[in-house]
Amino acid sequence: MRRLMLVPMMAFLACGGGESGEEAAGEGGAAAAAAPLGSGSISGMVMFTGTAPSNPALDMSDEPQCAERYEGEPTDPVVKVMGGHLANVYVRVSGGLPAGPYPQASEPTVIDQNGCLYQPRVVGVMTGQPLEIRNSDPLLHNIKAVPTENRPFNISQPQAGMTTQRTFNTPEVMVPLECNVHGWMNAFVGVTDHPYFAVSGDDGMFTITGLPAGTYTLEAWHETLGTQTAEVTVQDGAAASVEFTYSG
């Protein structure tokens, strides 16, 4: 683990609201108070140095509706590097958080099957938060979740426009998604019991908001390049900066 220099800057960021402990109280006594949400944040960057590995070529000849969407031969975007920035890295606070519970996230996180690929490839959800899986392709997809801590599922979507929602009840990093029809299709879902996670974009950037002041362990996960950790100190009303660097 490494300790990083922090760059404070003003930020007015906070997580979305939820039921207060009093409002969430039900029969049989008061509910546990929600963990405090703060005004601090972490702004990060994931870099890649060296030569990125070549991604596997995909044979979509049996699915011309998908193949025609790509210029040249499609590839499996296992390692997505653009301008030295690494995408699809799942970053979460893995240590230092106050005990929950945290306000429940009700807005679905969406994964689309488009061009015979899962898009985006990596997402995060809270426990109990809906994961919405869509099919934008005019052909059959079969979505298979193979978790180790949560209940698996295997659902079919034979037509474009179909959507299905599922939830996970137990934190797990990561839950793989596959397609029984197209063996090259893979996606990954990070499940936490708190809202402090993000996924790096094509520019390598990610932001985690609404943190109380404190020192946290931050974990970055990539499907083939592994896991890194960093220690980050967050102040109220300020953004801490952190950088992860992977190499080929």
Foldseek 3Di string as FASTA:
>chain_A
DAADDWDWDFDAFADDDADAQQRPQDPPDTGDGFFAWFFWKAKEFEFEDDDDDDFAFFDCVVPVQLQVVDDPTDGQPQWQADPRGTFFKKKFFDDDGDDGQHGADADEDEWECHSNETPPQEEEHEAPYKHKYFYQGAAKWWKWKDFDPFDIDIGIDGGHPDMDIDGTHDFDFWIWIATPVGRSYIHIYGYHSYQFMWTQDNRRMTMGGRHAFDKTKMWIQRPPQGIDIYIWTIYGRIYTYDYHYTYD
